[in-house]
Each structure stands twice: as C-alpha cells, then as structure tokens.
Protein backbone atom coordinates (compact mmCIF):
# COMPACT_ATOMS: atom_id res chain seq x y z
CA MET A 1 39.35 61.04 64.12
CA TYR A 2 38.01 59.42 60.87
CA GLN A 3 39.76 60.42 57.65
CA PRO A 4 37.22 59.91 54.50
CA ILE A 5 38.60 57.98 51.73
CA GLU A 6 35.76 56.80 49.68
CA GLU A 7 37.64 54.71 47.07
CA GLU A 8 36.68 51.47 45.52
CA ILE A 9 38.18 48.49 46.83
CA SER A 10 38.10 44.61 46.43
CA VAL A 11 37.11 42.40 49.40
CA ALA A 12 37.47 38.72 49.86
CA GLY A 13 35.64 36.81 52.55
CA ILE A 14 33.37 33.91 53.53
CA PHE A 15 29.76 33.15 54.31
CA SER A 16 29.18 31.64 57.74
CA GLU A 17 25.73 31.18 59.06
CA GLY A 18 24.15 33.29 56.54
CA LYS A 19 26.37 36.27 57.13
CA PHE A 20 29.22 37.55 55.13
CA LEU A 21 32.59 37.95 56.92
CA PRO A 22 35.34 40.00 55.28
CA LYS A 23 38.74 38.47 55.61
CA LYS A 24 40.85 40.69 53.50
CA PHE A 25 40.61 43.85 51.13
CA LYS A 26 42.86 45.28 48.52
CA TRP A 27 43.38 48.88 48.38
CA GLN A 28 46.06 50.73 46.31
CA GLN A 29 47.64 47.52 45.02
CA LYS A 30 48.18 46.33 48.64
CA ILE A 31 46.40 43.29 50.22
CA TYR A 32 45.23 43.88 53.80
CA PRO A 33 44.34 40.78 55.92
CA ILE A 34 41.46 41.69 58.51
CA THR A 35 42.37 40.70 61.99
CA GLU A 36 39.37 41.64 63.57
CA ILE A 37 35.80 42.81 62.73
CA THR A 38 34.70 45.49 65.33
CA LEU A 39 31.27 46.34 64.15
CA THR A 40 28.74 45.55 61.43
CA ALA A 41 25.65 47.71 60.51
CA ARG A 42 23.16 48.12 57.86
CA SER A 43 21.68 51.38 56.62
CA ARG A 44 19.79 52.91 53.72
CA ASP A 45 20.49 55.78 51.22
CA GLY A 46 16.97 56.02 49.57
CA GLN A 47 16.51 52.72 47.77
CA VAL A 48 19.96 51.52 48.24
CA GLN A 49 20.99 49.16 51.02
CA LEU A 50 24.40 49.53 52.44
CA GLN A 51 26.30 47.17 54.71
CA HIS A 52 29.22 48.58 56.99
CA PHE A 53 31.96 46.82 58.38
CA SER A 54 34.51 48.34 60.81
CA VAL A 55 37.58 46.22 60.75
CA VAL A 56 41.24 46.08 61.94
CA ALA A 57 44.01 45.40 59.55
CA ASP A 58 47.80 46.15 59.78
CA GLY A 59 47.01 47.61 63.29
CA ASN A 60 44.87 50.15 61.83
CA LEU A 61 40.84 50.65 61.97
CA TYR A 62 39.02 50.93 58.47
CA ARG A 63 35.45 51.32 57.64
CA LEU A 64 34.24 49.32 54.66
CA MET A 65 31.16 49.73 52.88
CA TYR A 66 29.23 47.49 50.47
CA ASN A 67 26.47 48.88 48.27
CA GLN A 68 24.03 46.10 47.68
CA THR A 69 22.51 47.73 44.57
CA THR A 70 25.66 48.19 42.65
CA GLN A 71 27.51 45.33 44.46
CA HIS A 72 30.61 47.59 44.67
CA TRP A 73 32.74 47.88 48.04
CA LYS A 74 34.27 51.24 49.11
CA LEU A 75 36.98 52.04 51.62
CA ALA A 76 34.90 54.73 53.44
CA GLU A 77 37.21 55.83 56.22
CA ILE A 78 40.31 55.16 58.06
CA TRP A 79 40.89 56.06 61.72
CA CYS A 80 43.73 58.51 62.19
CA ASP A 81 45.05 59.53 65.64
CA GLY A 82 45.17 63.16 66.48
C-alpha cells in the first residue's frame, strides 16, 4: 500500500523530445538515483496543473508530483509492502 509523505523535494532531470524525465531526487538530505519511470500522468486541482511520476529508486517505488503553478516538487507517496 502507499504511505502518504507530502514533503517538498528537489528533482534533477533532462528534457528529451519535449518531455521532462526525472533522473534523481533529493529527500531528507539523501540523493535517490531513479532507475525506472513506471508511470507518468497529468491531473488538475482546480486551476492548478499537476504532473505525476511513479519512479523506482533504491529498489522502492515513489510517487513524485510537480505543481506547474508553484513550480515545486513533492514526494507524494512511497510504496510499502504489507
């Protein structure tokens, strides 16, 4: 099941063919290299556009969220077994 985190993070990545691809993120002073992007999606919260990425880093699954209005990243959730 997913455990909500909702903490701001820093994300580094590249633009390729008009799309942003996250490559690593920093959370709680640790760098997490992203080994796989499993899902990308867009949504809206009123007027705010959000971009979502499910990524694998350090063998765990994370959901990252980018707020296009504030231009801030959040670690939304972490997958936890059990």
